[in-house]
Amino acid sequence: MLKPLADAGLTKADVRFVAGELGLLVADKPSAPCLASRIPHGQQVTPQRLAQIEDAEDAVLGEGFSDCRVRHHGEIARIEVPTNELARLADPEVRARLTSRLKAIGFRFVTADLDGIQSGAFTLPLLTLRGHG
């Protein structure tokens, strides 16, 4: 795997600074892990599933949430938002719009994770099983 900026000794902060100096709009954009990380280990990653996740996350972000993850559990979409935004996720109008949109995307059930966003949610249990957690 090539990583020329890291090989040159640049940190993420350095890259963001240079991007800002160049006027790139993504300079302050939060990092986002690969959409495939929203699919449980052992489940097939398909273009259809990735599109469902992308569309679902766009719907959540379109409701004004600062960040989100939508975990793909087959027929179930599990929404994660920052814990300080969970109450808004339960707002009847927001909930109804998101439930409708995610069902239209192809999910049968839509749930909210009360633990909020969990980076590495599908990897953490594997690390614990292997004695790394």
C-alpha atoms as a PDB file:
ATOM      1  CA  MET A   1       0.000   0.000   0.000  1.00  0.00           C
ATOM      2  CA  LEU A   2       1.362   3.412  -0.951  1.00  0.00           C
ATOM      3  CA  LYS A   3       1.262   6.173   1.647  1.00  0.00           C
ATOM      4  CA  PRO A   4       3.505   8.930   0.297  1.00  0.00           C
ATOM      5  CA  LEU A   5       2.376  11.670   2.692  1.00  0.00           C
ATOM      6  CA  ALA A   6       2.904   9.484   5.752  1.00  0.00           C
ATOM      7  CA  ASP A   7       6.233   8.281   4.318  1.00  0.00           C
ATOM      8  CA  ALA A   8       7.238  11.951   3.991  1.00  0.00           C
ATOM      9  CA  GLY A   9       6.493  12.386   7.708  1.00  0.00           C
ATOM     10  CA  LEU A  10       3.263  14.364   7.367  1.00  0.00           C
ATOM     11  CA  THR A  11       0.608  13.885  10.037  1.00  0.00           C
ATOM     12  CA  LYS A  12      -3.154  14.205   9.529  1.00  0.00           C
ATOM     13  CA  ALA A  13      -2.918  17.683  11.038  1.00  0.00           C
ATOM     14  CA  ASP A  14      -0.208  18.595   8.506  1.00  0.00           C
ATOM     15  CA  VAL A  15      -2.329  17.364   5.607  1.00  0.00           C
ATOM     16  CA  ARG A  16      -5.352  19.330   6.860  1.00  0.00           C
ATOM     17  CA  PHE A  17      -3.202  22.467   7.198  1.00  0.00           C
ATOM     18  CA  VAL A  18      -1.844  22.132   3.653  1.00  0.00           C
ATOM     19  CA  ALA A  19      -5.347  21.432   2.314  1.00  0.00           C
ATOM     20  CA  GLY A  20      -6.594  24.566   4.069  1.00  0.00           C
ATOM     21  CA  GLU A  21      -3.743  26.650   2.645  1.00  0.00           C
ATOM     22  CA  LEU A  22      -4.643  25.352  -0.818  1.00  0.00           C
ATOM     23  CA  GLY A  23      -8.258  26.364  -0.263  1.00  0.00           C
ATOM     24  CA  LEU A  24      -9.598  22.807  -0.523  1.00  0.00           C
ATOM     25  CA  LEU A  25     -13.157  22.539   0.807  1.00  0.00           C
ATOM     26  CA  VAL A  26     -12.413  19.175   2.430  1.00  0.00           C
ATOM     27  CA  ALA A  27      -9.678  20.520   4.713  1.00  0.00           C
ATOM     28  CA  ASP A  28     -11.939  20.442   7.787  1.00  0.00           C
ATOM     29  CA  LYS A  29     -14.099  17.505   6.766  1.00  0.00           C
ATOM     30  CA  PRO A  30     -14.101  14.776   9.421  1.00  0.00           C
ATOM     31  CA  SER A  31     -12.449  11.540   8.399  1.00  0.00           C
ATOM     32  CA  ALA A  32     -14.903   8.853   7.378  1.00  0.00           C
ATOM     33  CA  PRO A  33     -14.141   5.152   7.378  1.00  0.00           C
ATOM     34  CA  CYS A  34     -14.975   2.980   4.392  1.00  0.00           C
ATOM     35  CA  LEU A  35     -18.671   2.162   3.970  1.00  0.00           C
ATOM     36  CA  ALA A  36     -17.753  -1.535   4.031  1.00  0.00           C
ATOM     37  CA  SER A  37     -16.968  -1.089   7.747  1.00  0.00           C
ATOM     38  CA  ARG A  38     -20.751  -0.773   8.277  1.00  0.00           C
ATOM     39  CA  ILE A  39     -21.262  -4.417   7.254  1.00  0.00           C
ATOM     40  CA  PRO A  40     -20.598  -7.153   9.851  1.00  0.00           C
ATOM     41  CA  HIS A  41     -17.506  -9.310   9.367  1.00  0.00           C
ATOM     42  CA  GLY A  42     -18.343 -12.441   7.412  1.00  0.00           C
ATOM     43  CA  GLN A  43     -21.165 -10.758   5.474  1.00  0.00           C
ATOM     44  CA  GLN A  44     -20.708 -10.193   1.767  1.00  0.00           C
ATOM     45  CA  VAL A  45     -19.908  -6.617   0.740  1.00  0.00           C
ATOM     46  CA  THR A  46     -21.949  -5.859  -2.383  1.00  0.00           C
ATOM     47  CA  PRO A  47     -22.499  -2.722  -4.437  1.00  0.00           C
ATOM     48  CA  GLN A  48     -26.195  -2.834  -3.452  1.00  0.00           C
ATOM     49  CA  ARG A  49     -25.429  -2.919   0.286  1.00  0.00           C
ATOM     50  CA  LEU A  50     -22.870  -0.123  -0.033  1.00  0.00           C
ATOM     51  CA  ALA A  51     -25.397   1.994  -1.962  1.00  0.00           C
ATOM     52  CA  GLN A  52     -28.028   1.369   0.731  1.00  0.00           C
ATOM     53  CA  ILE A  53     -25.588   2.478   3.435  1.00  0.00           C
ATOM     54  CA  GLU A  54     -24.525   5.570   1.502  1.00  0.00           C
ATOM     55  CA  ASP A  55     -28.133   6.571   0.786  1.00  0.00           C
ATOM     56  CA  ALA A  56     -29.141   5.934   4.400  1.00  0.00           C
ATOM     57  CA  GLU A  57     -26.270   8.005   5.784  1.00  0.00           C
ATOM     58  CA  ASP A  58     -27.087  10.800   3.338  1.00  0.00           C
ATOM     59  CA  ALA A  59     -30.668  10.743   4.672  1.00  0.00           C
ATOM     60  CA  VAL A  60     -29.487  10.973   8.290  1.00  0.00           C
ATOM     61  CA  LEU A  61     -27.016  13.758   7.538  1.00  0.00           C
ATOM     62  CA  GLY A  62     -29.744  15.495   5.530  1.00  0.00           C
ATOM     63  CA  GLU A  63     -31.697  15.788   8.777  1.00  0.00           C
ATOM     64  CA  GLY A  64     -28.903  17.961  10.151  1.00  0.00           C
ATOM     65  CA  PHE A  65     -26.970  15.465  12.267  1.00  0.00           C
ATOM     66  CA  SER A  66     -23.280  16.318  12.610  1.00  0.00           C
ATOM     67  CA  ASP A  67     -22.116  12.747  12.001  1.00  0.00           C
ATOM     68  CA  CYS A  68     -23.603   9.289  11.658  1.00  0.00           C
ATOM     69  CA  ARG A  69     -23.052   5.658  10.827  1.00  0.00           C
ATOM     70  CA  VAL A  70     -25.720   3.336   9.476  1.00  0.00           C
ATOM     71  CA  ARG A  71     -24.844  -0.293  10.188  1.00  0.00           C
ATOM     72  CA  HIS A  72     -26.237  -2.810   7.704  1.00  0.00           C
ATOM     73  CA  HIS A  73     -27.745  -5.898   9.364  1.00  0.00           C
ATOM     74  CA  GLY A  74     -29.575  -7.373   6.397  1.00  0.00           C
ATOM     75  CA  GLU A  75     -33.137  -6.093   6.699  1.00  0.00           C
ATOM     76  CA  ILE A  76     -32.182  -3.911   9.677  1.00  0.00           C
ATOM     77  CA  ALA A  77     -30.567  -0.474   9.523  1.00  0.00           C
ATOM     78  CA  ARG A  78     -28.951   0.523  12.836  1.00  0.00           C
ATOM     79  CA  ILE A  79     -28.447   4.286  13.033  1.00  0.00           C
ATOM     80  CA  GLU A  80     -25.645   5.698  15.161  1.00  0.00           C
ATOM     81  CA  VAL A  81     -25.407   9.451  15.833  1.00  0.00           C
ATOM     82  CA  PRO A  82     -23.399  11.350  18.473  1.00  0.00           C
ATOM     83  CA  THR A  83     -24.916  10.736  21.912  1.00  0.00           C
ATOM     84  CA  ASN A  84     -25.705  14.435  22.377  1.00  0.00           C
ATOM     85  CA  GLU A  85     -27.934  14.214  19.266  1.00  0.00           C
ATOM     86  CA  LEU A  86     -29.887  11.078  20.226  1.00  0.00           C
ATOM     87  CA  ALA A  87     -32.905  13.037  21.494  1.00  0.00           C
ATOM     88  CA  ARG A  88     -33.315  14.661  18.081  1.00  0.00           C
ATOM     89  CA  LEU A  89     -33.215  11.240  16.445  1.00  0.00           C
ATOM     90  CA  ALA A  90     -36.246  10.303  18.576  1.00  0.00           C
ATOM     91  CA  ASP A  91     -38.158  13.471  17.625  1.00  0.00           C
ATOM     92  CA  PRO A  92     -41.417  12.163  16.095  1.00  0.00           C
ATOM     93  CA  GLU A  93     -41.073  14.091  12.817  1.00  0.00           C
ATOM     94  CA  VAL A  94     -37.379  13.263  12.320  1.00  0.00           C
ATOM     95  CA  ARG A  95     -37.987   9.628  13.263  1.00  0.00           C
ATOM     96  CA  ALA A  96     -40.908   9.326  10.842  1.00  0.00           C
ATOM     97  CA  ARG A  97     -38.977  10.883   7.936  1.00  0.00           C
ATOM     98  CA  LEU A  98     -35.914   8.700   8.515  1.00  0.00           C
ATOM     99  CA  THR A  99     -37.932   5.535   8.972  1.00  0.00           C
ATOM    100  CA  SER A 100     -39.797   6.224   5.730  1.00  0.00           C
ATOM    101  CA  ARG A 101     -36.631   7.068   3.773  1.00  0.00           C
ATOM    102  CA  LEU A 102     -34.635   4.080   5.032  1.00  0.00           C
ATOM    103  CA  LYS A 103     -37.511   1.700   4.308  1.00  0.00           C
ATOM    104  CA  ALA A 104     -37.708   3.151   0.782  1.00  0.00           C
ATOM    105  CA  ILE A 105     -33.985   2.400   0.439  1.00  0.00           C
ATOM    106  CA  GLY A 106     -34.715  -1.254   1.153  1.00  0.00           C
ATOM    107  CA  PHE A 107     -34.473  -1.797   4.895  1.00  0.00           C
ATOM    108  CA  ARG A 108     -37.431  -3.502   6.577  1.00  0.00           C
ATOM    109  CA  PHE A 109     -36.597  -2.287  10.093  1.00  0.00           C
ATOM    110  CA  VAL A 110     -34.893   0.914  11.277  1.00  0.00           C
ATOM    111  CA  THR A 111     -33.300   1.092  14.732  1.00  0.00           C
ATOM    112  CA  ALA A 112     -31.280   3.603  16.734  1.00  0.00           C
ATOM    113  CA  ASP A 113     -28.195   2.603  18.693  1.00  0.00           C
ATOM    114  CA  LEU A 114     -28.459   4.229  22.125  1.00  0.00           C
ATOM    115  CA  ASP A 115     -24.679   4.011  22.577  1.00  0.00           C
ATOM    116  CA  GLY A 116     -24.227   6.560  19.786  1.00  0.00           C
ATOM    117  CA  ILE A 117     -21.420   6.431  17.237  1.00  0.00           C
ATOM    118  CA  GLN A 118     -18.994   3.627  17.896  1.00  0.00           C
ATOM    119  CA  SER A 119     -15.862   3.678  15.800  1.00  0.00           C
ATOM    120  CA  GLY A 120     -14.958   0.111  14.867  1.00  0.00           C
ATOM    121  CA  ALA A 121     -18.271  -1.278  16.127  1.00  0.00           C
ATOM    122  CA  PHE A 122     -17.917  -4.505  14.145  1.00  0.00           C
ATOM    123  CA  THR A 123     -14.182  -4.928  14.824  1.00  0.00           C
ATOM    124  CA  LEU A 124     -14.133  -4.357  18.597  1.00  0.00           C
ATOM    125  CA  PRO A 125     -15.833  -7.679  19.465  1.00  0.00           C
ATOM    126  CA  LEU A 126     -13.295  -9.548  17.320  1.00  0.00           C
ATOM    127  CA  LEU A 127     -10.377  -7.876  19.097  1.00  0.00           C
ATOM    128  CA  THR A 128     -11.894  -8.735  22.469  1.00  0.00           C
ATOM    129  CA  LEU A 129     -12.278 -12.374  21.432  1.00  0.00           C
ATOM    130  CA  ARG A 130      -8.619 -12.454  20.399  1.00  0.00           C
ATOM    131  CA  GLY A 131      -7.500 -10.945  23.710  1.00  0.00           C
ATOM    132  CA  HIS A 132      -6.636  -7.476  22.362  1.00  0.00           C
ATOM    133  CA  GLY A 133      -9.455  -5.530  24.008  1.00  0.00           C
END
